């Protein structure tokens, strides 16, 4: 008599049970890893933009502004950082681009909110010496907070225009 090869129903049920337990444990940690990855990408993108604005101000010897912009053409005080931003030279300290933009960043689309406290709610202005100053000339310092559902980062901008990153819980 020939023996048939294969799995019994009991073996299949045991395998499916083990697989479902592994997935139940693994999927939440995968979602957490995905959220952390999106948060890191958004943080790095904004941080790179801020560093670029400072470097350009030093390089070209003019004020350079990075500001919130939903239309990616003009600075919009009603927009938030997660709506997108633009970077442009601003030698007249008008707060609006007079010529070509240096960089444009569209909304990320991720479930991450990016808000700045009052001094940096809508723009950061770098002077030719690399310091942050309001368009009026006063010193500008502040914190931009990036929040996912559980985790976040803060970009803390000091009076010299330098930025440091801090991990937070949201």
N, C-alpha and C. Protein backbone atom coordinates (compact mmCIF):
# COMPACT_ATOMS: atom_id res chain seq x y z
N UNK A 1 0.84 -1.16 0.00
CA UNK A 1 0.00 0.00 0.00
C UNK A 1 0.90 1.24 0.00
N UNK A 2 0.58 2.23 -0.86
CA UNK A 2 1.36 3.47 -0.97
C UNK A 2 0.95 4.45 0.13
N UNK A 3 1.98 5.09 0.69
CA UNK A 3 1.71 6.14 1.69
C UNK A 3 1.53 7.45 0.96
N UNK A 4 0.55 8.22 1.35
CA UNK A 4 0.32 9.53 0.75
C UNK A 4 1.07 10.58 1.57
N UNK A 5 1.72 11.49 0.86
CA UNK A 5 2.45 12.58 1.53
C UNK A 5 1.53 13.78 1.64
N UNK A 6 1.74 14.59 2.68
CA UNK A 6 0.93 15.79 2.84
C UNK A 6 0.77 16.13 4.30
N UNK A 7 -0.05 17.14 4.54
CA UNK A 7 -0.28 17.61 5.90
C UNK A 7 -1.72 17.30 6.29
N UNK A 8 -1.91 17.02 7.55
CA UNK A 8 -3.26 16.78 8.04
C UNK A 8 -3.90 18.12 8.38
N UNK A 9 -5.20 18.10 8.56
CA UNK A 9 -5.93 19.31 8.93
C UNK A 9 -5.41 19.84 10.27
N UNK A 10 -5.10 18.98 11.18
CA UNK A 10 -4.59 19.38 12.48
C UNK A 10 -3.24 20.10 12.34
N UNK A 11 -2.37 19.61 11.49
CA UNK A 11 -1.08 20.26 11.27
C UNK A 11 -1.27 21.64 10.63
N UNK A 12 -2.18 21.73 9.68
CA UNK A 12 -2.47 23.03 9.05
C UNK A 12 -3.00 24.02 10.07
N UNK A 13 -3.90 23.60 10.94
CA UNK A 13 -4.47 24.49 11.95
C UNK A 13 -3.40 24.96 12.93
N UNK A 14 -2.49 24.07 13.30
CA UNK A 14 -1.40 24.45 14.20
C UNK A 14 -0.49 25.48 13.53
N UNK A 15 -0.18 25.28 12.27
CA UNK A 15 0.68 26.21 11.53
C UNK A 15 0.01 27.58 11.39
N UNK A 16 -1.27 27.59 11.08
CA UNK A 16 -2.01 28.86 10.93
C UNK A 16 -2.10 29.59 12.27
N UNK A 17 -2.29 28.85 13.36
CA UNK A 17 -2.35 29.46 14.69
C UNK A 17 -1.01 30.11 15.04
N UNK A 18 0.08 29.42 14.79
CA UNK A 18 1.41 29.98 15.07
C UNK A 18 1.67 31.21 14.21
N UNK A 19 1.31 31.13 12.93
CA UNK A 19 1.49 32.26 12.03
C UNK A 19 0.68 33.47 12.47
N UNK A 20 -0.55 33.26 12.91
CA UNK A 20 -1.38 34.38 13.35
C UNK A 20 -0.83 35.02 14.63
N UNK A 21 -0.25 34.23 15.51
CA UNK A 21 0.36 34.78 16.73
C UNK A 21 1.58 35.63 16.36
N UNK A 22 2.40 35.13 15.47
CA UNK A 22 3.59 35.88 15.03
C UNK A 22 3.18 37.19 14.37
N UNK A 23 2.17 37.17 13.53
CA UNK A 23 1.69 38.39 12.87
C UNK A 23 1.08 39.37 13.86
N UNK A 24 0.34 38.85 14.84
CA UNK A 24 -0.28 39.73 15.84
C UNK A 24 0.77 40.46 16.66
N UNK A 25 1.89 39.83 16.89
CA UNK A 25 2.97 40.47 17.64
C UNK A 25 3.79 41.39 16.73
N UNK A 26 4.00 40.99 15.50
CA UNK A 26 4.88 41.72 14.59
C UNK A 26 4.31 42.94 13.93
N UNK A 27 3.03 42.95 13.60
CA UNK A 27 2.44 44.07 12.85
C UNK A 27 2.45 45.38 13.64
N UNK A 28 2.09 45.40 14.93
CA UNK A 28 2.18 46.68 15.65
C UNK A 28 3.59 47.26 15.67
N UNK A 29 4.59 46.42 15.85
CA UNK A 29 5.96 46.94 15.86
C UNK A 29 6.37 47.41 14.47
N UNK A 30 5.86 46.79 13.43
CA UNK A 30 6.13 47.25 12.07
C UNK A 30 5.50 48.62 11.83
N UNK A 31 4.27 48.81 12.30
CA UNK A 31 3.61 50.12 12.16
C UNK A 31 4.38 51.19 12.92
N UNK A 32 4.87 50.84 14.09
CA UNK A 32 5.66 51.78 14.88
C UNK A 32 6.95 52.14 14.13
N UNK A 33 7.58 51.16 13.54
CA UNK A 33 8.80 51.40 12.76
C UNK A 33 8.51 52.27 11.55
N UNK A 34 7.38 52.05 10.91
CA UNK A 34 6.98 52.85 9.75
C UNK A 34 6.74 54.30 10.16
N UNK A 35 6.08 54.51 11.30
CA UNK A 35 5.84 55.87 11.80
C UNK A 35 7.17 56.57 12.11
N UNK A 36 8.07 55.85 12.76
CA UNK A 36 9.39 56.42 13.08
C UNK A 36 10.13 56.81 11.80
N UNK A 37 10.02 55.97 10.79
CA UNK A 37 10.70 56.25 9.52
C UNK A 37 10.14 57.50 8.85
N UNK A 38 8.83 57.65 8.84
CA UNK A 38 8.20 58.84 8.25
C UNK A 38 8.57 60.10 9.02
N UNK A 39 8.59 59.98 10.34
CA UNK A 39 8.96 61.12 11.18
C UNK A 39 10.42 61.53 10.94
N UNK A 40 11.29 60.55 10.84
CA UNK A 40 12.70 60.84 10.56
C UNK A 40 12.87 61.50 9.20
N UNK A 41 12.15 61.01 8.20
CA UNK A 41 12.23 61.60 6.86
C UNK A 41 11.75 63.05 6.86
N UNK A 42 10.64 63.32 7.54
CA UNK A 42 10.11 64.69 7.60
C UNK A 42 11.07 65.61 8.36
N UNK A 43 11.63 65.11 9.45
CA UNK A 43 12.58 65.90 10.23
C UNK A 43 13.82 66.22 9.41
N UNK A 44 14.37 65.21 8.75
CA UNK A 44 15.56 65.43 7.94
C UNK A 44 15.31 66.37 6.78
N UNK A 45 14.14 66.29 6.19
CA UNK A 45 13.80 67.16 5.07
C UNK A 45 13.76 68.63 5.51
N UNK A 46 13.08 68.90 6.62
CA UNK A 46 13.00 70.28 7.11
C UNK A 46 14.36 70.76 7.61
N UNK A 47 15.07 69.91 8.31
CA UNK A 47 16.40 70.26 8.81
C UNK A 47 17.35 70.58 7.66
N UNK A 48 17.29 69.80 6.60
CA UNK A 48 18.11 70.06 5.42
C UNK A 48 17.76 71.41 4.80
N UNK A 49 16.46 71.72 4.73
CA UNK A 49 16.03 73.01 4.20
C UNK A 49 16.54 74.17 5.03
N UNK A 50 16.47 74.04 6.35
CA UNK A 50 16.95 75.10 7.25
C UNK A 50 18.46 75.28 7.09
N UNK A 51 19.20 74.17 7.06
CA UNK A 51 20.65 74.26 6.87
C UNK A 51 20.99 74.88 5.51
N UNK A 52 20.24 74.53 4.49
CA UNK A 52 20.47 75.10 3.16
C UNK A 52 20.26 76.61 3.19
N UNK A 53 19.19 77.07 3.84
CA UNK A 53 18.91 78.51 3.91
C UNK A 53 20.05 79.24 4.61
N UNK A 54 20.54 78.69 5.68
CA UNK A 54 21.65 79.33 6.41
C UNK A 54 22.92 79.35 5.55
N UNK A 55 23.22 78.24 4.92
CA UNK A 55 24.41 78.16 4.07
C UNK A 55 24.33 79.14 2.91
N UNK A 56 23.16 79.24 2.30
CA UNK A 56 23.00 80.18 1.18
C UNK A 56 23.15 81.63 1.63
N UNK A 57 22.63 81.97 2.80
CA UNK A 57 22.78 83.33 3.32
C UNK A 57 24.26 83.66 3.49
N UNK A 58 25.02 82.73 4.02
CA UNK A 58 26.46 82.93 4.19
C UNK A 58 27.16 83.00 2.83
N UNK A 59 26.77 82.14 1.90
CA UNK A 59 27.43 82.06 0.60
C UNK A 59 27.20 83.29 -0.26
N UNK A 60 25.92 83.73 -0.35
CA UNK A 60 25.61 84.84 -1.25
C UNK A 60 25.68 86.20 -0.56
N UNK A 61 25.83 86.21 0.76
CA UNK A 61 25.95 87.47 1.48
C UNK A 61 24.67 88.29 1.51
N UNK A 62 23.53 87.59 1.50
CA UNK A 62 22.22 88.26 1.57
C UNK A 62 21.33 87.50 2.54
N UNK A 63 20.28 88.19 2.99
CA UNK A 63 19.27 87.54 3.81
C UNK A 63 18.60 86.45 2.98
N UNK A 64 18.38 85.28 3.59
CA UNK A 64 17.66 84.18 2.94
C UNK A 64 16.56 83.73 3.90
N UNK A 65 15.36 83.56 3.36
CA UNK A 65 14.19 83.20 4.16
C UNK A 65 13.68 81.82 3.76
N UNK A 66 13.31 81.04 4.76
CA UNK A 66 12.55 79.81 4.55
C UNK A 66 11.21 80.04 5.23
N UNK A 67 10.12 79.87 4.48
CA UNK A 67 8.80 80.19 5.04
C UNK A 67 7.76 79.16 4.64
N UNK A 68 6.65 79.15 5.39
CA UNK A 68 5.54 78.25 5.10
C UNK A 68 4.84 78.70 3.83
N UNK A 69 4.46 77.72 3.00
CA UNK A 69 3.81 78.05 1.74
C UNK A 69 3.02 76.85 1.25
N UNK A 70 1.71 77.00 1.14
CA UNK A 70 0.87 75.93 0.61
C UNK A 70 0.87 75.93 -0.91
N UNK A 71 1.10 77.11 -1.53
CA UNK A 71 1.10 77.18 -2.99
C UNK A 71 2.50 77.07 -3.60
N UNK A 72 3.52 76.98 -2.78
CA UNK A 72 4.91 76.86 -3.20
C UNK A 72 5.37 78.01 -4.10
N UNK A 73 4.76 79.20 -3.91
CA UNK A 73 5.14 80.37 -4.69
C UNK A 73 5.36 81.60 -3.82
N UNK A 74 4.54 81.74 -2.77
CA UNK A 74 4.63 82.90 -1.88
C UNK A 74 4.60 82.44 -0.43
N UNK A 75 5.09 83.29 0.46
CA UNK A 75 4.99 83.00 1.90
C UNK A 75 3.55 83.23 2.32
N UNK A 76 3.01 82.28 3.07
CA UNK A 76 1.62 82.36 3.50
C UNK A 76 1.54 82.16 5.01
N UNK A 77 1.29 83.25 5.76
CA UNK A 77 1.23 83.15 7.22
C UNK A 77 0.17 82.18 7.73
N UNK A 78 -0.89 81.94 6.96
CA UNK A 78 -1.94 81.02 7.40
C UNK A 78 -1.55 79.56 7.17
N UNK A 79 -0.51 79.31 6.41
CA UNK A 79 -0.07 77.94 6.15
C UNK A 79 0.78 77.45 7.33
N UNK A 80 0.88 76.13 7.45
CA UNK A 80 1.73 75.52 8.47
C UNK A 80 2.92 74.88 7.77
N UNK A 81 3.93 74.52 8.55
CA UNK A 81 5.13 73.93 7.96
C UNK A 81 4.81 72.63 7.23
N UNK A 82 3.81 71.85 7.69
CA UNK A 82 3.50 70.60 7.00
C UNK A 82 2.78 70.83 5.67
N UNK A 83 2.36 72.08 5.38
CA UNK A 83 1.75 72.39 4.08
C UNK A 83 2.80 72.58 2.99
N UNK A 84 4.05 72.73 3.38
CA UNK A 84 5.13 72.95 2.44
C UNK A 84 5.87 74.23 2.77
N UNK A 85 7.02 74.42 2.13
CA UNK A 85 7.78 75.64 2.36
C UNK A 85 8.61 76.00 1.14
N UNK A 86 9.06 77.25 1.14
CA UNK A 86 9.91 77.75 0.06
C UNK A 86 11.13 78.43 0.69
N UNK A 87 12.21 78.48 -0.08
CA UNK A 87 13.43 79.17 0.35
C UNK A 87 13.80 80.15 -0.75
N UNK A 88 14.10 81.40 -0.36
CA UNK A 88 14.42 82.42 -1.36
C UNK A 88 15.32 83.49 -0.76
N UNK A 89 16.12 84.16 -1.61
CA UNK A 89 16.90 85.30 -1.11
C UNK A 89 15.97 86.49 -0.90
N UNK A 90 16.21 87.24 0.16
CA UNK A 90 15.34 88.37 0.49
C UNK A 90 16.19 89.58 0.90
N UNK A 91 16.91 90.18 -0.04
CA UNK A 91 17.81 91.28 0.31
C UNK A 91 17.07 92.52 0.83
N UNK A 92 15.80 92.68 0.48
CA UNK A 92 15.03 93.86 0.91
C UNK A 92 14.25 93.60 2.19
N UNK A 93 14.32 92.40 2.74
CA UNK A 93 13.59 92.01 3.96
C UNK A 93 12.09 92.26 3.82
N UNK A 94 11.55 91.95 2.65
CA UNK A 94 10.12 92.13 2.41
C UNK A 94 9.30 90.94 2.91
N UNK A 95 9.95 89.80 3.06
CA UNK A 95 9.24 88.60 3.51
C UNK A 95 8.53 87.86 2.40
N UNK A 96 8.70 88.31 1.17
CA UNK A 96 8.12 87.64 0.01
C UNK A 96 9.19 87.53 -1.08
N UNK A 97 9.14 86.47 -1.88
CA UNK A 97 10.14 86.33 -2.93
C UNK A 97 9.99 87.41 -4.00
N UNK A 98 11.11 88.04 -4.36
CA UNK A 98 11.12 89.03 -5.43
C UNK A 98 11.69 88.45 -6.71
N UNK A 99 12.33 87.32 -6.61
CA UNK A 99 12.96 86.69 -7.77
C UNK A 99 12.76 85.19 -7.71
N UNK A 100 13.67 84.46 -8.32
CA UNK A 100 13.53 83.00 -8.35
C UNK A 100 13.70 82.37 -6.96
N UNK A 101 13.00 81.28 -6.77
CA UNK A 101 13.09 80.53 -5.51
C UNK A 101 14.33 79.65 -5.54
N UNK A 102 14.95 79.47 -4.39
CA UNK A 102 16.11 78.59 -4.30
C UNK A 102 15.70 77.14 -4.13
N UNK A 103 14.65 76.91 -3.35
CA UNK A 103 14.14 75.55 -3.14
C UNK A 103 12.65 75.62 -2.86
N UNK A 104 11.97 74.54 -3.21
CA UNK A 104 10.54 74.40 -2.97
C UNK A 104 10.31 73.01 -2.37
N UNK A 105 9.48 72.95 -1.34
CA UNK A 105 9.13 71.66 -0.73
C UNK A 105 7.62 71.59 -0.60
N UNK A 106 7.04 70.59 -1.22
CA UNK A 106 5.58 70.41 -1.15
C UNK A 106 5.20 69.69 0.13
N UNK A 107 3.91 69.68 0.42
CA UNK A 107 3.40 68.97 1.59
C UNK A 107 3.81 67.50 1.51
N UNK A 108 4.15 66.94 2.66
CA UNK A 108 4.67 65.57 2.68
C UNK A 108 3.58 64.52 2.49
N UNK A 109 2.38 64.79 2.93
CA UNK A 109 1.30 63.82 2.81
C UNK A 109 1.27 62.80 3.93
N UNK A 110 2.32 62.73 4.74
CA UNK A 110 2.34 61.81 5.87
C UNK A 110 1.50 62.39 7.01
N UNK A 111 1.08 61.55 7.91
CA UNK A 111 0.28 62.01 9.06
C UNK A 111 1.19 62.60 10.13
N UNK A 112 1.90 63.64 9.77
CA UNK A 112 2.82 64.31 10.68
C UNK A 112 2.47 65.79 10.68
N UNK A 113 2.24 66.34 11.86
CA UNK A 113 1.99 67.78 11.96
C UNK A 113 3.30 68.46 12.28
N UNK A 114 3.52 69.60 11.64
CA UNK A 114 4.74 70.37 11.85
C UNK A 114 4.32 71.79 12.18
N UNK A 115 4.58 72.20 13.41
CA UNK A 115 4.20 73.54 13.85
C UNK A 115 5.38 74.21 14.54
N UNK A 116 5.45 75.51 14.38
CA UNK A 116 6.48 76.28 15.04
C UNK A 116 5.87 77.12 16.15
N UNK A 117 6.65 77.39 17.21
CA UNK A 117 6.15 78.32 18.21
C UNK A 117 6.18 79.73 17.61
N UNK A 118 5.67 80.71 18.31
CA UNK A 118 5.43 82.04 17.74
C UNK A 118 6.61 82.62 16.96
N UNK A 119 7.84 82.59 17.45
CA UNK A 119 8.93 83.21 16.70
C UNK A 119 9.22 82.55 15.34
N UNK A 120 8.92 81.27 15.21
CA UNK A 120 9.20 80.57 13.95
C UNK A 120 7.94 79.91 13.39
N UNK A 121 6.79 80.46 13.69
CA UNK A 121 5.52 79.87 13.25
C UNK A 121 5.39 79.87 11.74
N UNK A 122 5.92 80.90 11.07
CA UNK A 122 5.72 81.02 9.63
C UNK A 122 6.99 81.19 8.81
N UNK A 123 8.06 81.65 9.43
CA UNK A 123 9.29 81.82 8.67
C UNK A 123 10.52 81.83 9.58
N UNK A 124 11.66 81.54 8.95
CA UNK A 124 12.96 81.69 9.59
C UNK A 124 13.79 82.51 8.62
N UNK A 125 14.40 83.56 9.12
CA UNK A 125 15.16 84.47 8.28
C UNK A 125 16.63 84.46 8.69
N UNK A 126 17.50 84.07 7.76
CA UNK A 126 18.94 84.05 8.02
C UNK A 126 19.60 85.27 7.40
N UNK A 127 20.42 85.95 8.19
CA UNK A 127 21.16 87.12 7.71
C UNK A 127 22.49 86.66 7.12
N UNK A 128 23.21 87.55 6.42
CA UNK A 128 24.48 87.15 5.79
C UNK A 128 25.54 86.61 6.75
N UNK A 129 25.40 86.87 8.05
CA UNK A 129 26.36 86.32 9.02
C UNK A 129 25.90 84.97 9.59
N UNK A 130 24.80 84.42 9.06
CA UNK A 130 24.31 83.10 9.47
C UNK A 130 23.44 83.10 10.71
N UNK A 131 23.10 84.28 11.21
CA UNK A 131 22.23 84.37 12.39
C UNK A 131 20.77 84.48 11.96
N UNK A 132 19.88 84.10 12.86
CA UNK A 132 18.46 84.25 12.59
C UNK A 132 17.97 85.56 13.17
N UNK A 133 17.30 86.32 12.32
CA UNK A 133 16.72 87.60 12.77
C UNK A 133 15.37 87.78 12.10
N UNK A 134 14.44 88.37 12.86
CA UNK A 134 13.15 88.73 12.28
C UNK A 134 13.39 89.72 11.14
N UNK A 135 12.42 89.87 10.27
CA UNK A 135 12.54 90.84 9.18
C UNK A 135 12.72 92.25 9.72
N UNK A 136 12.24 92.49 10.94
CA UNK A 136 12.39 93.80 11.58
C UNK A 136 13.81 94.02 12.12
N UNK A 137 14.60 92.96 12.20
CA UNK A 137 15.97 93.06 12.68
C UNK A 137 16.20 92.49 14.06
N UNK A 138 15.14 92.18 14.80
CA UNK A 138 15.28 91.62 16.15
C UNK A 138 15.74 90.16 16.06
N UNK A 139 16.39 89.70 17.12
CA UNK A 139 16.88 88.33 17.19
C UNK A 139 15.71 87.33 17.11
N UNK A 140 15.89 86.25 16.37
CA UNK A 140 14.84 85.24 16.18
C UNK A 140 15.35 83.88 16.67
N UNK A 141 14.64 83.29 17.62
CA UNK A 141 14.92 81.94 18.11
C UNK A 141 13.58 81.23 18.24
N UNK A 142 13.57 79.92 18.15
CA UNK A 142 12.30 79.23 18.32
C UNK A 142 12.44 77.73 18.19
N UNK A 143 11.29 77.07 18.24
CA UNK A 143 11.23 75.61 18.19
C UNK A 143 10.15 75.18 17.21
N UNK A 144 10.52 74.29 16.30
CA UNK A 144 9.56 73.69 15.38
C UNK A 144 9.34 72.25 15.86
N UNK A 145 8.08 71.87 16.06
CA UNK A 145 7.73 70.55 16.58
C UNK A 145 7.10 69.71 15.48
N UNK A 146 7.63 68.52 15.31
CA UNK A 146 7.10 67.54 14.36
C UNK A 146 6.51 66.40 15.16
N UNK A 147 5.22 66.11 14.97
CA UNK A 147 4.56 65.06 15.74
C UNK A 147 3.87 64.05 14.85
N UNK A 148 4.14 62.78 15.11
CA UNK A 148 3.38 61.69 14.54
C UNK A 148 2.30 61.33 15.54
N UNK A 149 1.81 60.10 15.54
CA UNK A 149 0.76 59.75 16.48
C UNK A 149 1.30 59.53 17.90
N UNK A 150 2.53 59.06 18.03
CA UNK A 150 3.09 58.80 19.35
C UNK A 150 4.43 59.49 19.60
N UNK A 151 5.21 59.64 18.55
CA UNK A 151 6.57 60.13 18.70
C UNK A 151 6.74 61.45 17.97
N UNK A 152 7.76 62.19 18.36
CA UNK A 152 8.00 63.46 17.72
C UNK A 152 9.44 63.89 17.81
N UNK A 153 9.73 64.99 17.14
CA UNK A 153 11.04 65.62 17.18
C UNK A 153 10.82 67.12 17.30
N UNK A 154 11.78 67.78 17.88
CA UNK A 154 11.77 69.24 17.90
C UNK A 154 13.07 69.73 17.29
N UNK A 155 12.95 70.75 16.45
CA UNK A 155 14.11 71.44 15.91
C UNK A 155 14.21 72.75 16.69
N UNK A 156 15.24 72.87 17.49
CA UNK A 156 15.43 74.04 18.34
C UNK A 156 16.47 74.93 17.69
N UNK A 157 16.05 76.16 17.35
CA UNK A 157 16.92 77.10 16.65
C UNK A 157 17.39 78.14 17.66
N UNK A 158 18.72 78.27 17.83
CA UNK A 158 19.24 79.22 18.81
C UNK A 158 19.54 80.58 18.16
N UNK A 159 20.01 81.53 18.96
CA UNK A 159 20.24 82.90 18.49
C UNK A 159 21.33 82.99 17.42
N UNK A 160 22.22 82.00 17.38
CA UNK A 160 23.28 82.00 16.37
C UNK A 160 22.82 81.37 15.06
N UNK A 161 21.59 80.85 15.02
CA UNK A 161 21.07 80.23 13.81
C UNK A 161 21.32 78.74 13.72
N UNK A 162 21.94 78.18 14.74
CA UNK A 162 22.21 76.74 14.74
C UNK A 162 20.96 75.98 15.18
N UNK A 163 20.84 74.75 14.66
CA UNK A 163 19.66 73.93 14.94
C UNK A 163 20.11 72.64 15.62
N UNK A 164 19.39 72.25 16.67
CA UNK A 164 19.61 70.94 17.28
C UNK A 164 18.29 70.19 17.30
N UNK A 165 18.38 68.87 17.28
CA UNK A 165 17.20 68.02 17.25
C UNK A 165 17.00 67.35 18.60
N UNK A 166 15.75 67.33 19.07
CA UNK A 166 15.40 66.73 20.35
C UNK A 166 14.26 65.73 20.12
N UNK A 167 14.38 64.53 20.69
CA UNK A 167 13.30 63.54 20.61
C UNK A 167 12.26 63.84 21.69
N UNK A 168 10.98 63.74 21.32
CA UNK A 168 9.90 63.98 22.27
C UNK A 168 8.81 62.93 22.06
N UNK A 169 7.86 62.88 22.99
CA UNK A 169 6.65 62.09 22.82
C UNK A 169 5.50 63.04 22.58
N UNK A 170 4.63 62.69 21.66
CA UNK A 170 3.50 63.57 21.32
C UNK A 170 2.21 63.06 21.93
